[in-house]
Amino acid sequence: MRLGYARQLVQTVERVVARLEHLPTGTLTRRPGPGRWSIKEIVGHLVDSASNNHQRFVRARWQKDLIFPTYDQEGWVVAQEYQEAPWPELLALWRTYNLHLARVMDTTPDVLRLREHRRHNFDQVAFRSIPPDQPATLDYFMRDYVEHLEHHVRQIEELLPASGKDSQPRP
């Protein structure tokens, strides 16, 4: 991969999948508090983020601006019942979608990725927002996607048992 953040995305996803694939259901479904997501729900949210951003990254090739639809993150997690989803299927979907996104990022021509746009809604759709009166690039938005994913990976890591006993393969 030629882009550092695309390579970083792949490395992060592979590292996290290796750590999460054998966790017991109790660890995966425990919510740390009211209104907080479990590990399964965080991964589900990251699938939704990958899905929405995949559309955004590809459509940006033909748009004259960087204005994208928003989505109700909480509503999507609830509607798709990630808490009940088969873990191997959910984890594989998240992994595969992000490997694909890394390839999309890496193969987007520089002229499209680095082009400045005066019209964008990164104040609404980006993890690290940009005021609407400042120009933005697709490259910024792709980097921002990786930062968003890593933010949620840190949340997941905080939910893992410190002892490491739950990270061992199940018999």
Protein backbone atom coordinates (compact mmCIF):
# COMPACT_ATOMS: atom_id res chain seq x y z
CA MET A 1 0.00 0.00 0.00
CA ARG A 2 1.31 3.40 -0.91
CA LEU A 3 -0.77 5.44 1.57
CA GLY A 4 0.37 5.27 5.17
CA TYR A 5 -3.13 5.60 6.61
CA ALA A 6 -4.47 2.79 4.37
CA ARG A 7 -1.63 0.57 5.59
CA GLN A 8 -2.35 1.67 9.16
CA LEU A 9 -6.02 0.72 8.71
CA VAL A 10 -5.10 -2.79 7.58
CA GLN A 11 -2.60 -3.27 10.42
CA THR A 12 -5.05 -2.04 13.05
CA VAL A 13 -7.89 -4.22 11.81
CA GLU A 14 -5.73 -7.35 11.61
CA ARG A 15 -4.33 -6.75 15.11
CA VAL A 16 -7.79 -6.19 16.60
CA VAL A 17 -9.37 -9.18 14.86
CA ALA A 18 -6.63 -11.46 16.23
CA ARG A 19 -7.30 -10.16 19.72
CA LEU A 20 -11.11 -10.36 19.55
CA GLU A 21 -11.91 -13.47 17.57
CA HIS A 22 -11.92 -15.88 20.52
CA LEU A 23 -13.51 -13.78 23.25
CA PRO A 24 -16.40 -15.32 25.18
CA THR A 25 -19.93 -14.05 24.62
CA GLY A 26 -20.10 -12.43 28.06
CA THR A 27 -17.14 -10.18 27.28
CA LEU A 28 -18.52 -9.31 23.84
CA THR A 29 -22.02 -8.41 25.01
CA ARG A 30 -21.29 -6.65 28.32
CA ARG A 31 -22.36 -3.01 28.20
CA PRO A 32 -20.13 -0.85 30.42
CA GLY A 33 -23.05 1.33 31.50
CA PRO A 34 -26.43 2.75 30.53
CA GLY A 35 -26.42 4.11 27.01
CA ARG A 36 -22.98 2.60 26.28
CA TRP A 37 -22.25 0.03 23.59
CA SER A 38 -20.86 -3.47 24.06
CA ILE A 39 -17.88 -4.68 22.02
CA LYS A 40 -20.28 -6.31 19.54
CA GLU A 41 -22.22 -3.06 19.18
CA ILE A 42 -19.04 -1.02 18.70
CA VAL A 43 -17.91 -3.40 15.96
CA GLY A 44 -21.40 -3.19 14.45
CA HIS A 45 -21.17 0.60 14.49
CA LEU A 46 -17.81 0.32 12.75
CA VAL A 47 -19.44 -1.84 10.06
CA ASP A 48 -22.04 0.91 9.59
CA SER A 49 -19.28 3.50 9.43
CA ALA A 50 -17.42 1.44 6.83
CA SER A 51 -20.60 1.05 4.79
CA ASN A 52 -21.46 4.74 4.84
CA ASN A 53 -17.90 5.88 4.19
CA HIS A 54 -17.42 3.39 1.38
CA GLN A 55 -20.29 5.11 -0.42
CA ARG A 56 -18.86 8.53 0.34
CA PHE A 57 -15.32 7.70 -0.80
CA VAL A 58 -16.47 6.24 -4.11
CA ARG A 59 -19.12 8.89 -4.88
CA ALA A 60 -16.59 11.65 -4.22
CA ARG A 61 -14.92 10.71 -7.51
CA TRP A 62 -17.84 12.18 -9.45
CA GLN A 63 -19.18 14.86 -7.12
CA LYS A 64 -18.22 18.49 -7.42
CA ASP A 65 -18.46 18.84 -3.64
CA LEU A 66 -17.92 16.75 -0.53
CA ILE A 67 -21.45 16.86 0.83
CA PHE A 68 -22.62 13.47 2.04
CA PRO A 69 -25.71 12.09 3.78
CA THR A 70 -25.59 11.67 7.53
CA TYR A 71 -27.05 8.70 9.39
CA ASP A 72 -28.48 7.96 12.83
CA GLN A 73 -25.64 5.94 14.37
CA GLU A 74 -27.59 4.86 17.46
CA GLY A 75 -30.62 3.94 15.37
CA TRP A 76 -28.56 1.83 12.98
CA VAL A 77 -26.97 -0.14 15.83
CA VAL A 78 -30.36 -0.83 17.40
CA ALA A 79 -32.08 -1.65 14.09
CA GLN A 80 -29.47 -4.22 13.10
CA GLU A 81 -29.40 -5.93 16.51
CA TYR A 82 -25.63 -6.30 16.58
CA GLN A 83 -25.83 -7.56 20.16
CA GLU A 84 -27.49 -10.74 18.79
CA ALA A 85 -25.40 -11.10 15.61
CA PRO A 86 -23.19 -14.18 15.21
CA TRP A 87 -19.75 -12.97 16.33
CA PRO A 88 -17.62 -14.73 13.68
CA GLU A 89 -19.86 -13.30 10.94
CA LEU A 90 -19.83 -9.76 12.37
CA LEU A 91 -16.07 -9.74 12.93
CA ALA A 92 -15.39 -11.13 9.44
CA LEU A 93 -17.66 -8.50 7.88
CA TRP A 94 -15.87 -5.71 9.72
CA ARG A 95 -12.46 -7.06 8.75
CA THR A 96 -13.29 -7.61 5.09
CA TYR A 97 -15.06 -4.28 4.67
CA ASN A 98 -12.06 -2.42 6.05
CA LEU A 99 -9.57 -4.31 3.91
CA HIS A 100 -11.70 -3.27 0.93
CA LEU A 101 -11.81 0.34 2.14
CA ALA A 102 -8.03 0.41 2.49
CA ARG A 103 -7.81 -0.70 -1.14
CA VAL A 104 -10.33 1.98 -2.20
CA MET A 105 -8.29 4.61 -0.36
CA ASP A 106 -5.03 3.41 -1.84
CA THR A 107 -6.33 3.30 -5.42
CA THR A 108 -8.06 6.68 -5.40
CA PRO A 109 -6.04 8.90 -7.74
CA ASP A 110 -4.11 11.69 -6.03
CA VAL A 111 -5.81 14.29 -8.21
CA LEU A 112 -9.17 13.30 -6.70
CA ARG A 113 -7.94 12.61 -3.18
CA LEU A 114 -6.03 15.88 -2.79
CA ARG A 115 -8.40 18.24 -4.63
CA GLU A 116 -9.66 21.01 -2.35
CA HIS A 117 -13.40 21.52 -2.12
CA ARG A 118 -15.03 24.69 -0.86
CA ARG A 119 -18.38 22.92 -0.38
CA HIS A 120 -18.44 20.11 2.17
CA ASN A 121 -20.29 19.05 5.29
CA PHE A 122 -17.35 17.76 7.30
CA ASP A 123 -18.69 19.79 10.20
CA GLN A 124 -21.52 17.18 10.26
CA VAL A 125 -20.02 13.91 8.98
CA ALA A 126 -16.35 13.92 9.99
CA PHE A 127 -15.02 12.57 13.28
CA ARG A 128 -12.70 15.59 13.51
CA SER A 129 -14.89 18.25 11.95
CA ILE A 130 -13.79 21.06 9.68
CA PRO A 131 -15.75 24.33 9.70
CA PRO A 132 -17.84 24.74 6.54
CA ASP A 133 -15.99 27.92 5.56
CA GLN A 134 -12.63 26.09 5.31
CA PRO A 135 -11.69 23.96 2.27
CA ALA A 136 -11.49 20.19 2.67
CA THR A 137 -10.14 17.19 0.76
CA LEU A 138 -11.17 13.59 0.37
CA ASP A 139 -7.71 12.71 1.69
CA TYR A 140 -8.57 14.44 4.98
CA PHE A 141 -11.84 12.52 5.17
CA MET A 142 -10.10 9.18 4.54
CA ARG A 143 -7.56 9.90 7.28
CA ASP A 144 -10.41 10.97 9.52
CA TYR A 145 -12.12 7.61 8.94
CA VAL A 146 -9.01 5.79 10.20
CA GLU A 147 -8.84 8.09 13.26
CA HIS A 148 -12.52 7.36 13.98
CA LEU A 149 -11.92 3.62 13.75
CA GLU A 150 -8.91 3.85 16.07
CA HIS A 151 -10.95 5.89 18.57
CA HIS A 152 -13.44 3.02 18.77
CA VAL A 153 -10.65 0.43 18.93
CA ARG A 154 -9.40 2.21 22.06
CA GLN A 155 -12.94 1.96 23.50
CA ILE A 156 -12.96 -1.76 22.74
CA GLU A 157 -9.57 -2.23 24.39
CA GLU A 158 -10.87 -0.51 27.54
CA LEU A 159 -13.64 -3.16 27.70
CA LEU A 160 -11.24 -6.09 27.53
CA PRO A 161 -10.32 -7.85 30.77
CA ALA A 162 -6.95 -6.76 32.11
CA SER A 163 -5.96 -10.30 33.04
CA GLY A 164 -5.97 -11.52 29.46
CA LYS A 165 -7.76 -14.71 30.50
CA ASP A 166 -10.71 -13.93 28.25
CA SER A 167 -8.45 -13.45 25.24
CA GLN A 168 -7.52 -17.15 25.16
CA PRO A 169 -9.16 -19.43 22.59
CA ARG A 170 -12.25 -21.27 23.74
CA PRO A 171 -11.99 -25.05 24.05
